[in-house]
């Protein structure tokens, strides 16, 4: 996979953490950020795919036997309004 260079700006505290974390992992800050962003992207894509699979599936009842509350019941207030 080819790589692209990008410029990233961050506050000093975050930059310090990134340098320490990269050293702890024996890698560069650039590789650390690339890995973290890829992991985030993959989690997002996985979540989106799971949500689409769920929504594409059959409707499931929220509970067995009972009835769903009406719109009015859902929006009733305890103060009489």
PDB file of N, CA and C in Angstrom:
ATOM      1  N   UNK A   1       0.847  -1.162   0.000  1.00  0.00           N
ATOM      2  CA  UNK A   1       0.000   0.000   0.000  1.00  0.00           C
ATOM      3  C   UNK A   1       0.900   1.235   0.000  1.00  0.00           C
ATOM      4  N   UNK A   2       0.594   2.169  -0.874  1.00  0.00           N
ATOM      5  CA  UNK A   2       1.406   3.389  -0.915  1.00  0.00           C
ATOM      6  C   UNK A   2       1.025   4.313   0.232  1.00  0.00           C
ATOM      7  N   UNK A   3       1.953   5.151   0.605  1.00  0.00           N
ATOM      8  CA  UNK A   3       1.741   6.069   1.735  1.00  0.00           C
ATOM      9  C   UNK A   3       1.799   7.493   1.212  1.00  0.00           C
ATOM     10  N   UNK A   4       1.060   8.375   1.882  1.00  0.00           N
ATOM     11  CA  UNK A   4       1.073   9.804   1.551  1.00  0.00           C
ATOM     12  C   UNK A   4       1.572  10.578   2.750  1.00  0.00           C
ATOM     13  N   UNK A   5       2.314  11.610   2.493  1.00  0.00           N
ATOM     14  CA  UNK A   5       2.754  12.498   3.564  1.00  0.00           C
ATOM     15  C   UNK A   5       1.685  13.548   3.811  1.00  0.00           C
ATOM     16  N   UNK A   6       1.399  13.802   5.076  1.00  0.00           N
ATOM     17  CA  UNK A   6       0.473  14.861   5.464  1.00  0.00           C
ATOM     18  C   UNK A   6       1.108  15.642   6.613  1.00  0.00           C
ATOM     19  N   UNK A   7       0.707  16.880   6.745  1.00  0.00           N
ATOM     20  CA  UNK A   7       1.180  17.703   7.849  1.00  0.00           C
ATOM     21  C   UNK A   7       0.082  17.776   8.889  1.00  0.00           C
ATOM     22  N   UNK A   8       0.436  17.549  10.136  1.00  0.00           N
ATOM     23  CA  UNK A   8      -0.535  17.545  11.228  1.00  0.00           C
ATOM     24  C   UNK A   8      -0.090  18.555  12.271  1.00  0.00           C
ATOM     25  N   UNK A   9      -1.025  19.361  12.739  1.00  0.00           N
ATOM     26  CA  UNK A   9      -0.742  20.303  13.828  1.00  0.00           C
ATOM     27  C   UNK A   9      -1.479  19.844  15.074  1.00  0.00           C
ATOM     28  N   UNK A  10      -0.822  19.974  16.217  1.00  0.00           N
ATOM     29  CA  UNK A  10      -1.455  19.594  17.482  1.00  0.00           C
ATOM     30  C   UNK A  10      -0.844  20.423  18.598  1.00  0.00           C
ATOM     31  N   UNK A  11      -1.532  20.448  19.726  1.00  0.00           N
ATOM     32  CA  UNK A  11      -1.006  21.200  20.860  1.00  0.00           C
ATOM     33  C   UNK A  11       0.214  20.477  21.436  1.00  0.00           C
ATOM     34  N   UNK A  12       0.992  21.204  22.211  1.00  0.00           N
ATOM     35  CA  UNK A  12       2.262  20.681  22.727  1.00  0.00           C
ATOM     36  C   UNK A  12       2.070  19.450  23.617  1.00  0.00           C
ATOM     37  N   UNK A  13       1.040  19.456  24.449  1.00  0.00           N
ATOM     38  CA  UNK A  13       0.805  18.311  25.340  1.00  0.00           C
ATOM     39  C   UNK A  13       0.522  17.044  24.536  1.00  0.00           C
ATOM     40  N   UNK A  14      -0.303  17.168  23.492  1.00  0.00           N
ATOM     41  CA  UNK A  14      -0.615  16.018  22.641  1.00  0.00           C
ATOM     42  C   UNK A  14       0.630  15.555  21.894  1.00  0.00           C
ATOM     43  N   UNK A  15       1.416  16.499  21.397  1.00  0.00           N
ATOM     44  CA  UNK A  15       2.651  16.146  20.685  1.00  0.00           C
ATOM     45  C   UNK A  15       3.617  15.417  21.615  1.00  0.00           C
ATOM     46  N   UNK A  16       3.718  15.873  22.851  1.00  0.00           N
ATOM     47  CA  UNK A  16       4.597  15.225  23.831  1.00  0.00           C
ATOM     48  C   UNK A  16       4.124  13.789  24.072  1.00  0.00           C
ATOM     49  N   UNK A  17       2.811  13.623  24.267  1.00  0.00           N
ATOM     50  CA  UNK A  17       2.270  12.280  24.485  1.00  0.00           C
ATOM     51  C   UNK A  17       2.570  11.392  23.279  1.00  0.00           C
ATOM     52  N   UNK A  18       2.380  11.932  22.066  1.00  0.00           N
ATOM     53  CA  UNK A  18       2.610  11.147  20.849  1.00  0.00           C
ATOM     54  C   UNK A  18       4.069  10.703  20.754  1.00  0.00           C
ATOM     55  N   UNK A  19       4.989  11.585  21.089  1.00  0.00           N
ATOM     56  CA  UNK A  19       6.416  11.213  21.045  1.00  0.00           C
ATOM     57  C   UNK A  19       6.722  10.107  22.056  1.00  0.00           C
ATOM     58  N   UNK A  20       6.195  10.246  23.261  1.00  0.00           N
ATOM     59  CA  UNK A  20       6.433   9.234  24.301  1.00  0.00           C
ATOM     60  C   UNK A  20       5.789   7.911  23.902  1.00  0.00           C
ATOM     61  N   UNK A  21       4.561   7.965  23.424  1.00  0.00           N
ATOM     62  CA  UNK A  21       3.851   6.738  23.030  1.00  0.00           C
ATOM     63  C   UNK A  21       4.551   6.060  21.859  1.00  0.00           C
ATOM     64  N   UNK A  22       4.999   6.829  20.890  1.00  0.00           N
ATOM     65  CA  UNK A  22       5.720   6.258  19.749  1.00  0.00           C
ATOM     66  C   UNK A  22       7.009   5.588  20.224  1.00  0.00           C
ATOM     67  N   UNK A  23       7.733   6.235  21.135  1.00  0.00           N
ATOM     68  CA  UNK A  23       8.968   5.638  21.662  1.00  0.00           C
ATOM     69  C   UNK A  23       8.656   4.355  22.423  1.00  0.00           C
ATOM     70  N   UNK A  24       7.572   4.379  23.202  1.00  0.00           N
ATOM     71  CA  UNK A  24       7.182   3.184  23.959  1.00  0.00           C
ATOM     72  C   UNK A  24       6.887   2.015  23.024  1.00  0.00           C
ATOM     73  N   UNK A  25       6.297   2.318  21.866  1.00  0.00           N
ATOM     74  CA  UNK A  25       5.961   1.278  20.882  1.00  0.00           C
ATOM     75  C   UNK A  25       7.100   1.020  19.900  1.00  0.00           C
ATOM     76  N   UNK A  26       8.210   1.720  20.089  1.00  0.00           N
ATOM     77  CA  UNK A  26       9.374   1.578  19.215  1.00  0.00           C
ATOM     78  C   UNK A  26       9.006   1.858  17.755  1.00  0.00           C
ATOM     79  N   UNK A  27       8.348   2.985  17.533  1.00  0.00           N
ATOM     80  CA  UNK A  27       7.948   3.389  16.192  1.00  0.00           C
ATOM     81  C   UNK A  27       8.064   4.906  16.087  1.00  0.00           C
ATOM     82  N   UNK A  28       7.739   5.441  14.943  1.00  0.00           N
ATOM     83  CA  UNK A  28       7.775   6.895  14.755  1.00  0.00           C
ATOM     84  C   UNK A  28       6.404   7.489  15.072  1.00  0.00           C
ATOM     85  N   UNK A  29       6.391   8.790  15.312  1.00  0.00           N
ATOM     86  CA  UNK A  29       5.116   9.481  15.537  1.00  0.00           C
ATOM     87  C   UNK A  29       4.243   9.341  14.294  1.00  0.00           C
ATOM     88  N   UNK A  30       4.848   9.439  13.129  1.00  0.00           N
ATOM     89  CA  UNK A  30       4.106   9.301  11.879  1.00  0.00           C
ATOM     90  C   UNK A  30       3.423   7.931  11.790  1.00  0.00           C
ATOM     91  N   UNK A  31       4.168   6.871  12.084  1.00  0.00           N
ATOM     92  CA  UNK A  31       3.590   5.518  12.050  1.00  0.00           C
ATOM     93  C   UNK A  31       2.523   5.344  13.123  1.00  0.00           C
ATOM     94  N   UNK A  32       2.776   5.903  14.306  1.00  0.00           N
ATOM     95  CA  UNK A  32       1.796   5.821  15.387  1.00  0.00           C
ATOM     96  C   UNK A  32       0.481   6.459  14.963  1.00  0.00           C
ATOM     97  N   UNK A  33       0.554   7.681  14.425  1.00  0.00           N
ATOM     98  CA  UNK A  33      -0.668   8.364  14.001  1.00  0.00           C
ATOM     99  C   UNK A  33      -1.361   7.613  12.874  1.00  0.00           C
ATOM    100  N   UNK A  34      -0.587   7.112  11.928  1.00  0.00           N
ATOM    101  CA  UNK A  34      -1.175   6.336  10.840  1.00  0.00           C
ATOM    102  C   UNK A  34      -1.894   5.100  11.354  1.00  0.00           C
ATOM    103  N   UNK A  35      -1.259   4.389  12.290  1.00  0.00           N
ATOM    104  CA  UNK A  35      -1.877   3.185  12.868  1.00  0.00           C
ATOM    105  C   UNK A  35      -3.142   3.527  13.648  1.00  0.00           C
ATOM    106  N   UNK A  36      -3.069   4.583  14.469  1.00  0.00           N
ATOM    107  CA  UNK A  36      -4.242   4.978  15.257  1.00  0.00           C
ATOM    108  C   UNK A  36      -5.405   5.389  14.357  1.00  0.00           C
ATOM    109  N   UNK A  37      -5.108   6.137  13.306  1.00  0.00           N
ATOM    110  CA  UNK A  37      -6.168   6.560  12.384  1.00  0.00           C
ATOM    111  C   UNK A  37      -6.751   5.373  11.627  1.00  0.00           C
ATOM    112  N   UNK A  38      -5.901   4.438  11.215  1.00  0.00           N
ATOM    113  CA  UNK A  38      -6.403   3.246  10.512  1.00  0.00           C
ATOM    114  C   UNK A  38      -7.310   2.430  11.437  1.00  0.00           C
ATOM    115  N   UNK A  39      -6.890   2.235  12.698  1.00  0.00           N
ATOM    116  CA  UNK A  39      -7.721   1.498  13.659  1.00  0.00           C
ATOM    117  C   UNK A  39      -9.068   2.192  13.846  1.00  0.00           C
ATOM    118  N   UNK A  40      -9.047   3.506  13.965  1.00  0.00           N
ATOM    119  CA  UNK A  40     -10.290   4.265  14.125  1.00  0.00           C
ATOM    120  C   UNK A  40     -11.174   4.092  12.889  1.00  0.00           C
ATOM    121  N   UNK A  41     -10.590   4.200  11.703  1.00  0.00           N
ATOM    122  CA  UNK A  41     -11.338   4.036  10.462  1.00  0.00           C
ATOM    123  C   UNK A  41     -11.967   2.640  10.387  1.00  0.00           C
ATOM    124  N   UNK A  42     -11.198   1.612  10.733  1.00  0.00           N
ATOM    125  CA  UNK A  42     -11.710   0.243  10.664  1.00  0.00           C
ATOM    126  C   UNK A  42     -12.840   0.018  11.661  1.00  0.00           C
ATOM    127  N   UNK A  43     -12.732   0.592  12.873  1.00  0.00           N
ATOM    128  CA  UNK A  43     -13.826   0.479  13.851  1.00  0.00           C
ATOM    129  C   UNK A  43     -15.081   1.152  13.326  1.00  0.00           C
ATOM    130  N   UNK A  44     -14.919   2.342  12.754  1.00  0.00           N
ATOM    131  CA  UNK A  44     -16.063   3.072  12.204  1.00  0.00           C
ATOM    132  C   UNK A  44     -16.718   2.268  11.087  1.00  0.00           C
ATOM    133  N   UNK A  45     -15.915   1.732  10.183  1.00  0.00           N
ATOM    134  CA  UNK A  45     -16.454   0.958   9.073  1.00  0.00           C
ATOM    135  C   UNK A  45     -17.135  -0.306   9.570  1.00  0.00           C
ATOM    136  N   UNK A  46     -16.563  -0.938  10.572  1.00  0.00           N
ATOM    137  CA  UNK A  46     -17.152  -2.142  11.143  1.00  0.00           C
ATOM    138  C   UNK A  46     -18.501  -1.824  11.783  1.00  0.00           C
ATOM    139  N   UNK A  47     -18.565  -0.717  12.518  1.00  0.00           N
ATOM    140  CA  UNK A  47     -19.815  -0.297  13.152  1.00  0.00           C
ATOM    141  C   UNK A  47     -20.867  -0.003  12.091  1.00  0.00           C
ATOM    142  N   UNK A  48     -20.483   0.745  11.054  1.00  0.00           N
ATOM    143  CA  UNK A  48     -21.424   1.085   9.982  1.00  0.00           C
ATOM    144  C   UNK A  48     -21.947  -0.184   9.309  1.00  0.00           C
ATOM    145  N   UNK A  49     -21.062  -1.131   9.027  1.00  0.00           N
ATOM    146  CA  UNK A  49     -21.473  -2.373   8.374  1.00  0.00           C
ATOM    147  C   UNK A  49     -22.429  -3.158   9.269  1.00  0.00           C
ATOM    148  N   UNK A  50     -22.133  -3.236  10.563  1.00  0.00           N
ATOM    149  CA  UNK A  50     -23.010  -3.953  11.496  1.00  0.00           C
ATOM    150  C   UNK A  50     -24.372  -3.277  11.581  1.00  0.00           C
ATOM    151  N   UNK A  51     -24.388  -1.946  11.611  1.00  0.00           N
ATOM    152  CA  UNK A  51     -25.653  -1.228  11.675  1.00  0.00           C
ATOM    153  C   UNK A  51     -26.481  -1.493  10.415  1.00  0.00           C
ATOM    154  N   UNK A  52     -25.839  -1.473   9.247  1.00  0.00           N
ATOM    155  CA  UNK A  52     -26.572  -1.734   8.004  1.00  0.00           C
ATOM    156  C   UNK A  52     -27.114  -3.163   7.975  1.00  0.00           C
ATOM    157  N   UNK A  53     -26.318  -4.129   8.468  1.00  0.00           N
ATOM    158  CA  UNK A  53     -26.812  -5.513   8.524  1.00  0.00           C
ATOM    159  C   UNK A  53     -28.023  -5.609   9.443  1.00  0.00           C
ATOM    160  N   UNK A  54     -27.957  -4.954  10.603  1.00  0.00           N
ATOM    161  CA  UNK A  54     -29.063  -4.988  11.560  1.00  0.00           C
ATOM    162  C   UNK A  54     -30.314  -4.358  10.946  1.00  0.00           C
ATOM    163  N   UNK A  55     -30.154  -3.193  10.348  1.00  0.00           N
ATOM    164  CA  UNK A  55     -31.304  -2.492   9.780  1.00  0.00           C
ATOM    165  C   UNK A  55     -31.889  -3.220   8.575  1.00  0.00           C
ATOM    166  N   UNK A  56     -31.071  -3.981   7.859  1.00  0.00           N
ATOM    167  CA  UNK A  56     -31.549  -4.720   6.697  1.00  0.00           C
ATOM    168  C   UNK A  56     -32.262  -6.009   7.100  1.00  0.00           C
ATOM    169  N   UNK A  57     -32.101  -6.425   8.342  1.00  0.00           N
ATOM    170  CA  UNK A  57     -32.700  -7.673   8.808  1.00  0.00           C
ATOM    171  C   UNK A  57     -34.182  -7.522   9.103  1.00  0.00           C
ATOM    172  N   UNK A  58     -34.808  -8.615   9.512  1.00  0.00           N
ATOM    173  CA  UNK A  58     -36.243  -8.575   9.824  1.00  0.00           C
ATOM    174  C   UNK A  58     -36.510  -7.742  11.079  1.00  0.00           C
ATOM    175  N   UNK A  59     -37.693  -7.153  11.133  1.00  0.00           N
ATOM    176  CA  UNK A  59     -38.091  -6.409  12.327  1.00  0.00           C
ATOM    177  C   UNK A  59     -38.263  -7.386  13.478  1.00  0.00           C
ATOM    178  N   UNK A  60     -37.859  -6.984  14.645  1.00  0.00           N
ATOM    179  CA  UNK A  60     -37.971  -7.845  15.826  1.00  0.00           C
ATOM    180  C   UNK A  60     -38.823  -7.139  16.863  1.00  0.00           C
ATOM    181  N   UNK A  61     -39.692  -7.877  17.532  1.00  0.00           N
ATOM    182  CA  UNK A  61     -40.505  -7.233  18.573  1.00  0.00           C
ATOM    183  C   UNK A  61     -39.629  -6.802  19.749  1.00  0.00           C
ATOM    184  N   UNK A  62     -40.015  -5.706  20.382  1.00  0.00           N
ATOM    185  CA  UNK A  62     -39.273  -5.242  21.546  1.00  0.00           C
ATOM    186  C   UNK A  62     -39.520  -6.123  22.759  1.00  0.00           C
ATOM    187  N   UNK A  63     -40.715  -6.680  22.854  1.00  0.00           N
ATOM    188  CA  UNK A  63     -41.018  -7.590  23.958  1.00  0.00           C
ATOM    189  C   UNK A  63     -42.039  -8.611  23.477  1.00  0.00           C
ATOM    190  N   UNK A  64     -42.124  -9.705  24.181  1.00  0.00           N
ATOM    191  CA  UNK A  64     -43.044 -10.775  23.769  1.00  0.00           C
ATOM    192  C   UNK A  64     -44.440 -10.522  24.320  1.00  0.00           C
ATOM    193  N   UNK A  65     -45.423 -10.680  23.471  1.00  0.00           N
ATOM    194  CA  UNK A  65     -46.808 -10.670  23.912  1.00  0.00           C
ATOM    195  C   UNK A  65     -47.434  -9.311  24.107  1.00  0.00           C
ATOM    196  N   UNK A  66     -46.772  -8.374  24.703  1.00  0.00           N
ATOM    197  CA  UNK A  66     -47.371  -7.087  25.041  1.00  0.00           C
ATOM    198  C   UNK A  66     -47.640  -6.227  23.825  1.00  0.00           C
ATOM    199  N   UNK A  67     -48.041  -4.999  24.094  1.00  0.00           N
ATOM    200  CA  UNK A  67     -48.290  -4.063  23.002  1.00  0.00           C
ATOM    201  C   UNK A  67     -47.329  -2.890  23.130  1.00  0.00           C
ATOM    202  N   UNK A  68     -47.088  -2.253  22.025  1.00  0.00           N
ATOM    203  CA  UNK A  68     -46.260  -1.051  22.039  1.00  0.00           C
ATOM    204  C   UNK A  68     -47.089   0.106  22.572  1.00  0.00           C
ATOM    205  N   UNK A  69     -46.495   1.013  23.338  1.00  0.00           N
ATOM    206  CA  UNK A  69     -47.250   2.173  23.814  1.00  0.00           C
ATOM    207  C   UNK A  69     -47.585   3.105  22.652  1.00  0.00           C
ATOM    208  N   UNK A  70     -48.697   3.815  22.787  1.00  0.00           N
ATOM    209  CA  UNK A  70     -49.080   4.778  21.755  1.00  0.00           C
ATOM    210  C   UNK A  70     -48.164   5.997  21.835  1.00  0.00           C
ATOM    211  N   UNK A  71     -48.228   6.815  20.814  1.00  0.00           N
ATOM    212  CA  UNK A  71     -47.432   8.045  20.806  1.00  0.00           C
ATOM    213  C   UNK A  71     -47.798   8.907  22.006  1.00  0.00           C
ATOM    214  N   UNK A  72     -49.084   9.011  22.286  1.00  0.00           N
ATOM    215  CA  UNK A  72     -49.548   9.830  23.408  1.00  0.00           C
ATOM    216  C   UNK A  72     -48.997   9.304  24.736  1.00  0.00           C
ATOM    217  N   UNK A  73     -49.019   7.974  24.898  1.00  0.00           N
ATOM    218  CA  UNK A  73     -48.488   7.383  26.125  1.00  0.00           C
ATOM    219  C   UNK A  73     -46.985   7.644  26.269  1.00  0.00           C
ATOM    220  N   UNK A  74     -46.280   7.591  25.165  1.00  0.00           N
ATOM    221  CA  UNK A  74     -44.839   7.834  25.213  1.00  0.00           C
ATOM    222  C   UNK A  74     -44.510   9.262  25.625  1.00  0.00           C
ATOM    223  N   UNK A  75     -45.393  10.192  25.261  1.00  0.00           N
ATOM    224  CA  UNK A  75     -45.104  11.603  25.506  1.00  0.00           C
ATOM    225  C   UNK A  75     -45.894  12.184  26.668  1.00  0.00           C
ATOM    226  N   UNK A  76     -46.571  11.332  27.456  1.00  0.00           N
ATOM    227  CA  UNK A  76     -47.291  11.824  28.630  1.00  0.00           C
ATOM    228  C   UNK A  76     -46.316  12.408  29.627  1.00  0.00           C
ATOM    229  N   UNK A  77     -46.776  13.427  30.302  1.00  0.00           N
ATOM    230  CA  UNK A  77     -45.962  14.034  31.356  1.00  0.00           C
ATOM    231  C   UNK A  77     -46.665  13.818  32.683  1.00  0.00           C
ATOM    232  N   UNK A  78     -45.899  13.750  33.722  1.00  0.00           N
ATOM    233  CA  UNK A  78     -46.454  13.555  35.054  1.00  0.00           C
ATOM    234  C   UNK A  78     -47.118  14.794  35.623  1.00  0.00           C
ATOM    235  N   UNK A  79     -46.983  15.945  34.954  1.00  0.00           N
ATOM    236  CA  UNK A  79     -47.538  17.188  35.488  1.00  0.00           C
ATOM    237  C   UNK A  79     -48.915  17.521  34.924  1.00  0.00           C
ATOM    238  N   UNK A  80     -49.545  16.549  34.256  1.00  0.00           N
ATOM    239  CA  UNK A  80     -50.895  16.748  33.752  1.00  0.00           C
ATOM    240  C   UNK A  80     -50.961  17.383  32.372  1.00  0.00           C
ATOM    241  N   UNK A  81     -49.838  17.615  31.729  1.00  0.00           N
ATOM    242  CA  UNK A  81     -49.872  18.212  30.386  1.00  0.00           C
ATOM    243  C   UNK A  81     -49.595  17.189  29.326  1.00  0.00           C
TER     244      UNK A  81
END
